[in-house]
Amino acid sequence: MLTRLRWLFHPVLIFIFSILALALSLFLYIYWYIEVSAGLKAAVQRYNLDPQQILEAQTWVVILVLSILVGLILVGIFIIFVYSQKMARLNRLQHEFINNFTHELKTPVTSLKLYLETFLKHDLPRNEQTKYIGYMLHDVDHLADNISRILNLARIETGAYGGDVILSDLVETLRQFRQRNLHLFGNCDIRIHHPSGQPVYYNINPPLFEMLVMNILTNGVKYNDSEVPRIDIRFVLGNKKMHIRFEDNGIGVEKADTKKIFKKFYQTQRSDSVAPRGSGLGLYLVQNIARMHRGKVIAEKRPDEKGSVFTLILPFHPQKA
């Protein structure tokens, strides 16, 4: 049903309907003023009617119908204009993404080449070798992360991302995720708050759910200028909704960007950003994964103005494993 509605609002179909409406308006104009007018004049002469009343009513009908058709044409043109503007913006964002992503790929490759040339030309002591190997591993991780985002994006958008949906305790899932990935977040203090202590079961695709969490946590650490980055994960359970809040002490998100940051290729333009610009895909992936789990993610600035809050909202129905 949704696919059919999208086709109805396709710009090509709207353009065709606009042309048909224009042609129909011209046809009606010619038909009414030639055929109908001639018939009405004949009827007026035959029955001795008042020609002004008859022809005036006909004129107003023609004006009304033509006005409606012209209005439809203008609406169609406006929709096409809006669509063209969106396409132009998307093309611009894609161009920026390609430039930024090319830089993201080229930088670690150049760095790796430099380190390898250093190993080839110089006989380095073991401590120097260890240091450079650490740098190289960091660059390899950076490359792998960017490539994985592109591959995952393609698989998610085409619906080709496989995996089973499993009933899982989200609290325990997050605890295990934190424990397995402590080495990725350095000195970041990640805490999970769930006052009731009861399991919170929900059907998830574990790899996708972990990808969602990884992107949110990475975002909280990346855009953070605190001496010790901190992220508090809080469970807030309601009657029909479950909120999982990821509260960080980073630089925060501007109100104007709270919805835009989930768009494909979007990157904030803040001049005080403490991190290099990314690919513009991380939070787009987050929102798409949330929708695949029948939920959504919203962003807001913390009330104390000292960080951001990303809230994963899911339908909640208490159940037992």
Protein backbone atom coordinates (compact mmCIF):
# COMPACT_ATOMS: atom_id res chain seq x y z
CA MET A 1 0.00 0.00 0.00
CA LEU A 2 2.78 2.44 0.94
CA THR A 3 4.65 1.56 -2.26
CA ARG A 4 1.58 2.40 -4.34
CA LEU A 5 1.18 5.74 -2.57
CA ARG A 6 4.83 6.59 -3.24
CA TRP A 7 4.29 5.87 -6.93
CA LEU A 8 1.28 8.19 -7.00
CA PHE A 9 3.47 11.04 -5.74
CA HIS A 10 6.35 10.27 -8.11
CA PRO A 11 7.44 13.49 -9.88
CA VAL A 12 7.12 11.93 -13.34
CA LEU A 13 3.49 10.97 -12.70
CA ILE A 14 2.76 14.38 -11.20
CA PHE A 15 4.27 16.01 -14.29
CA ILE A 16 2.12 13.83 -16.56
CA PHE A 17 -1.02 14.66 -14.55
CA SER A 18 -0.18 18.36 -14.79
CA ILE A 19 0.17 18.16 -18.57
CA LEU A 20 -3.10 16.23 -18.82
CA ALA A 21 -4.83 18.81 -16.64
CA LEU A 22 -3.53 21.58 -18.90
CA ALA A 23 -4.66 19.76 -22.03
CA LEU A 24 -8.06 19.05 -20.47
CA SER A 25 -8.52 22.70 -19.52
CA LEU A 26 -7.75 23.79 -23.09
CA PHE A 27 -10.12 21.16 -24.49
CA LEU A 28 -12.94 22.23 -22.16
CA TYR A 29 -12.35 25.86 -23.03
CA ILE A 30 -12.64 25.17 -26.74
CA TYR A 31 -15.56 22.75 -26.34
CA TRP A 32 -17.64 24.94 -24.05
CA TYR A 33 -17.13 28.14 -25.91
CA ILE A 34 -17.76 26.67 -29.32
CA GLU A 35 -20.18 23.77 -28.92
CA VAL A 36 -21.99 24.54 -25.68
CA SER A 37 -22.25 28.26 -26.34
CA ALA A 38 -23.72 27.60 -29.77
CA GLY A 39 -26.28 25.19 -28.26
CA LEU A 40 -27.26 27.63 -25.53
CA LYS A 41 -27.71 30.46 -28.01
CA ALA A 42 -29.96 28.26 -30.11
CA ALA A 43 -32.01 27.33 -27.01
CA VAL A 44 -32.29 31.01 -26.01
CA GLN A 45 -33.60 31.95 -29.45
CA ARG A 46 -35.98 29.01 -29.56
CA TYR A 47 -37.56 29.50 -26.13
CA ASN A 48 -37.19 33.30 -25.93
CA LEU A 49 -35.06 33.13 -22.74
CA ASP A 50 -32.97 35.88 -21.21
CA PRO A 51 -29.53 35.39 -22.84
CA GLN A 52 -27.65 37.26 -20.11
CA GLN A 53 -28.77 34.90 -17.33
CA ILE A 54 -28.04 31.73 -19.29
CA LEU A 55 -24.66 32.74 -20.75
CA GLU A 56 -23.53 34.40 -17.52
CA ALA A 57 -24.13 31.18 -15.54
CA GLN A 58 -22.25 29.20 -18.15
CA THR A 59 -19.33 31.62 -17.98
CA TRP A 60 -19.03 31.26 -14.21
CA VAL A 61 -19.06 27.46 -14.49
CA VAL A 62 -16.28 27.60 -17.07
CA ILE A 63 -14.26 29.99 -14.91
CA LEU A 64 -14.68 27.78 -11.83
CA VAL A 65 -13.65 24.56 -13.60
CA LEU A 66 -10.71 26.20 -15.34
CA SER A 67 -9.57 27.74 -12.04
CA ILE A 68 -9.56 24.30 -10.42
CA LEU A 69 -7.57 22.84 -13.30
CA VAL A 70 -5.08 25.71 -13.24
CA GLY A 71 -4.75 25.23 -9.49
CA LEU A 72 -3.96 21.55 -10.01
CA ILE A 73 -1.34 22.49 -12.59
CA LEU A 74 0.29 24.98 -10.20
CA VAL A 75 0.31 22.41 -7.37
CA GLY A 76 1.94 19.87 -9.69
CA ILE A 77 4.59 22.37 -10.76
CA PHE A 78 5.24 23.27 -7.11
CA ILE A 79 5.67 19.60 -6.14
CA ILE A 80 8.08 19.08 -9.03
CA PHE A 81 10.02 22.17 -7.95
CA VAL A 82 10.28 20.93 -4.35
CA TYR A 83 11.38 17.50 -5.55
CA SER A 84 14.04 19.03 -7.80
CA GLN A 85 15.34 21.10 -4.87
CA LYS A 86 15.53 17.99 -2.69
CA MET A 87 17.35 16.11 -5.43
CA ALA A 88 19.79 18.98 -5.85
CA ARG A 89 20.42 19.00 -2.09
CA LEU A 90 20.88 15.22 -2.04
CA ASN A 91 23.34 15.44 -4.94
CA ARG A 92 25.27 18.14 -3.10
CA LEU A 93 25.36 16.04 0.08
CA GLN A 94 26.50 13.01 -1.91
CA HIS A 95 29.26 15.07 -3.50
CA GLU A 96 30.40 16.28 -0.08
CA PHE A 97 30.18 12.75 1.26
CA ILE A 98 32.36 11.39 -1.57
CA ASN A 99 34.95 14.10 -0.96
CA ASN A 100 34.98 13.57 2.81
CA PHE A 101 34.91 9.80 2.60
CA THR A 102 37.69 9.76 0.02
CA HIS A 103 39.73 11.80 2.47
CA GLU A 104 38.78 9.42 5.30
CA LEU A 105 40.09 6.48 3.24
CA LYS A 106 43.12 8.18 1.78
CA THR A 107 44.51 9.52 5.07
CA PRO A 108 45.03 6.16 6.83
CA VAL A 109 46.31 4.58 3.61
CA THR A 110 48.91 7.34 3.25
CA SER A 111 49.83 6.93 6.91
CA LEU A 112 50.21 3.16 6.54
CA LYS A 113 52.41 3.60 3.49
CA LEU A 114 54.64 6.01 5.40
CA TYR A 115 55.05 3.62 8.34
CA LEU A 116 55.82 0.68 6.04
CA GLU A 117 58.42 2.72 4.16
CA THR A 118 59.96 3.61 7.54
CA PHE A 119 60.20 -0.09 8.42
CA LEU A 120 61.73 -0.81 5.02
CA LYS A 121 64.39 1.91 5.12
CA HIS A 122 65.37 1.89 8.81
CA ASP A 123 66.36 -0.73 11.32
CA LEU A 124 64.23 0.41 14.27
CA PRO A 125 64.57 -0.75 17.88
CA ARG A 126 61.80 -2.90 19.31
CA ASN A 127 60.12 -0.10 21.28
CA GLU A 128 59.93 2.08 18.15
CA GLN A 129 58.55 -0.82 16.15
CA THR A 130 55.86 -1.41 18.76
CA LYS A 131 54.88 2.25 18.70
CA TYR A 132 54.55 2.37 14.90
CA ILE A 133 52.71 -0.95 14.80
CA GLY A 134 50.21 0.52 17.25
CA TYR A 135 49.69 3.49 14.91
CA MET A 136 49.23 1.16 11.96
CA LEU A 137 46.67 -0.95 13.78
CA HIS A 138 44.75 2.22 14.63
CA ASP A 139 44.72 3.19 10.94
CA VAL A 140 43.60 -0.31 9.94
CA ASP A 141 40.73 -0.15 12.47
CA HIS A 142 39.75 3.25 11.07
CA LEU A 143 39.69 1.88 7.53
CA ALA A 144 37.74 -1.21 8.56
CA ASP A 145 35.18 0.91 10.39
CA ASN A 146 34.53 3.14 7.37
CA ILE A 147 34.30 0.21 4.97
CA SER A 148 31.94 -1.64 7.33
CA ARG A 149 29.63 1.37 7.50
CA ILE A 150 29.34 1.51 3.72
CA LEU A 151 28.72 -2.22 3.41
CA ASN A 152 26.20 -2.24 6.27
CA LEU A 153 24.41 0.76 4.80
CA ALA A 154 23.96 -0.99 1.46
CA ARG A 155 22.74 -4.19 3.12
CA ILE A 156 20.30 -2.40 5.42
CA GLU A 157 18.83 -0.16 2.71
CA THR A 158 18.25 -3.10 0.38
CA GLY A 159 16.81 -5.25 3.16
CA ALA A 160 19.50 -7.86 2.60
CA TYR A 161 20.82 -7.80 6.15
CA GLY A 162 20.20 -11.28 7.48
CA GLY A 163 20.28 -12.66 10.98
CA ASP A 164 17.76 -14.09 13.39
CA VAL A 165 15.57 -12.08 15.71
CA ILE A 166 16.11 -13.26 19.28
CA LEU A 167 14.23 -12.49 22.48
CA SER A 168 16.94 -10.90 24.62
CA ASP A 169 17.34 -9.13 27.93
CA LEU A 170 18.41 -5.66 26.78
CA VAL A 171 20.01 -4.80 30.11
CA GLU A 172 22.23 -7.87 30.02
CA THR A 173 22.90 -7.35 26.30
CA LEU A 174 24.22 -3.85 26.99
CA ARG A 175 26.32 -5.04 29.92
CA GLN A 176 27.95 -7.74 27.84
CA PHE A 177 28.49 -5.30 24.98
CA ARG A 178 30.21 -2.85 27.33
CA GLN A 179 32.42 -5.58 28.76
CA ARG A 180 33.48 -6.85 25.34
CA ASN A 181 34.29 -3.40 23.96
CA LEU A 182 35.94 -1.62 26.88
CA HIS A 183 39.19 -1.47 24.91
CA LEU A 184 37.50 0.60 22.18
CA PHE A 185 36.39 3.44 24.44
CA GLY A 186 39.64 4.16 26.28
CA ASN A 187 39.07 6.06 29.48
CA CYS A 188 35.36 6.61 28.80
CA ASP A 189 33.13 5.93 31.81
CA ILE A 190 30.09 3.98 30.60
CA ARG A 191 27.45 3.21 33.22
CA ILE A 192 24.16 1.32 32.93
CA HIS A 193 21.29 2.36 35.21
CA HIS A 194 18.28 0.11 35.69
CA PRO A 195 16.77 0.72 39.15
CA SER A 196 14.23 -2.14 39.10
CA GLY A 197 16.89 -4.75 38.37
CA GLN A 198 14.34 -6.83 36.45
CA PRO A 199 15.15 -8.21 32.98
CA VAL A 200 13.85 -6.19 30.05
CA TYR A 201 13.05 -8.59 27.22
CA TYR A 202 12.72 -7.49 23.61
CA ASN A 203 13.05 -9.15 20.20
CA ILE A 204 16.26 -7.90 18.56
CA ASN A 205 18.66 -8.75 15.81
CA PRO A 206 21.82 -8.89 17.99
CA PRO A 207 24.39 -7.76 15.35
CA LEU A 208 22.20 -4.85 14.24
CA PHE A 209 21.33 -3.82 17.79
CA GLU A 210 25.01 -3.83 18.74
CA MET A 211 25.75 -1.74 15.64
CA LEU A 212 23.17 0.79 16.84
CA VAL A 213 24.69 0.94 20.33
CA MET A 214 28.23 1.13 18.95
CA ASN A 215 27.39 4.13 16.76
CA ILE A 216 25.65 6.01 19.57
CA LEU A 217 28.49 5.39 22.04
CA THR A 218 31.14 6.25 19.46
CA ASN A 219 29.31 9.48 18.69
CA GLY A 220 29.19 10.35 22.42
CA VAL A 221 32.92 9.80 22.80
CA LYS A 222 33.93 11.39 19.50
CA TYR A 223 32.15 14.69 20.16
CA ASN A 224 33.40 15.12 23.68
CA ASP A 225 35.94 17.55 25.08
CA SER A 226 35.68 16.43 28.72
CA GLU A 227 38.74 15.15 30.53
CA VAL A 228 36.86 11.90 31.21
CA PRO A 229 34.06 11.21 28.70
CA ARG A 230 31.04 9.70 30.40
CA ILE A 231 27.93 8.03 29.03
CA ASP A 232 25.02 7.02 31.26
CA ILE A 233 22.60 4.47 29.82
CA ARG A 234 19.24 4.67 31.58
CA PHE A 235 16.17 2.46 31.19
CA VAL A 236 12.83 4.22 31.56
CA LEU A 237 9.88 1.84 31.27
CA GLY A 238 6.34 3.06 30.64
CA ASN A 239 3.00 1.41 29.99
CA LYS A 240 3.46 1.04 26.24
CA LYS A 241 6.88 2.52 25.53
CA MET A 242 10.41 1.81 26.65
CA HIS A 243 13.02 4.57 26.58
CA ILE A 244 16.73 3.74 26.59
CA ARG A 245 18.52 7.03 27.16
CA PHE A 246 22.20 7.49 26.24
CA GLU A 247 23.30 10.61 28.13
CA ASP A 248 26.81 11.95 27.47
CA ASN A 249 28.83 14.90 28.78
CA GLY A 250 30.05 15.99 25.36
CA ILE A 251 29.67 19.21 23.41
CA GLY A 252 25.93 18.68 22.91
CA VAL A 253 23.76 18.92 19.84
CA GLU A 254 22.21 22.14 18.62
CA LYS A 255 18.41 22.31 18.55
CA ALA A 256 18.45 23.02 14.82
CA ASP A 257 20.37 19.77 14.22
CA THR A 258 18.32 17.38 16.38
CA LYS A 259 16.44 16.00 13.37
CA LYS A 260 18.94 16.71 10.61
CA ILE A 261 21.71 14.58 12.14
CA PHE A 262 19.74 11.42 11.31
CA LYS A 263 19.62 12.26 7.61
CA LYS A 264 21.84 10.52 5.14
CA PHE A 265 25.23 12.21 4.62
CA TYR A 266 24.37 15.07 6.99
CA GLN A 267 27.27 16.55 8.93
CA THR A 268 27.10 19.33 11.49
CA GLN A 269 28.70 22.64 10.59
CA ARG A 270 29.78 23.61 14.11
CA SER A 271 33.05 25.48 14.28
CA ASP A 272 33.74 24.35 17.87
CA SER A 273 33.64 20.65 17.02
CA VAL A 274 36.38 18.74 18.83
CA ALA A 275 36.43 15.90 16.32
CA PRO A 276 37.04 15.67 12.57
CA ARG A 277 34.00 15.50 10.37
CA GLY A 278 32.78 11.98 9.83
CA SER A 279 31.02 10.24 6.98
CA GLY A 280 27.49 11.36 7.88
CA LEU A 281 26.31 7.75 7.99
CA GLY A 282 26.58 6.71 11.65
CA LEU A 283 23.37 8.22 12.98
CA TYR A 284 21.55 7.50 9.71
CA LEU A 285 22.34 3.82 10.33
CA VAL A 286 21.18 4.20 13.94
CA GLN A 287 17.77 5.51 12.88
CA ASN A 288 17.29 2.82 10.24
CA ILE A 289 18.21 0.03 12.65
CA ALA A 290 15.81 1.47 15.23
CA ARG A 291 13.01 1.42 12.66
CA MET A 292 13.82 -2.19 11.82
CA HIS A 293 13.17 -2.89 15.52
CA ARG A 294 9.82 -1.00 15.37
CA GLY A 295 11.25 2.00 17.18
CA LYS A 296 12.95 5.34 16.61
CA VAL A 297 15.78 7.47 18.02
CA ILE A 298 15.47 11.10 19.02
CA ALA A 299 18.23 13.53 19.99
CA GLU A 300 18.17 16.46 22.34
CA LYS A 301 20.46 18.63 24.40
CA ARG A 302 20.72 17.82 28.09
CA PRO A 303 18.75 20.17 30.37
CA ASP A 304 21.99 21.26 32.05
CA GLU A 305 23.46 22.15 28.64
CA LYS A 306 26.40 19.79 29.27
CA GLY A 307 25.97 17.13 26.67
CA SER A 308 23.50 15.29 24.49
CA VAL A 309 20.82 12.67 25.05
CA PHE A 310 20.04 10.07 22.40
CA THR A 311 16.87 8.17 23.30
CA LEU A 312 15.93 4.86 21.73
CA ILE A 313 12.13 4.49 21.93
CA LEU A 314 10.71 0.98 21.57
CA PRO A 315 7.25 -0.52 22.11
CA PHE A 316 7.19 -2.21 25.52
CA HIS A 317 5.13 -5.18 26.58
CA PRO A 318 6.41 -6.94 29.72
CA GLN A 319 6.98 -10.60 29.04
CA LYS A 320 8.98 -13.55 30.26
CA ALA A 321 11.71 -15.31 28.40
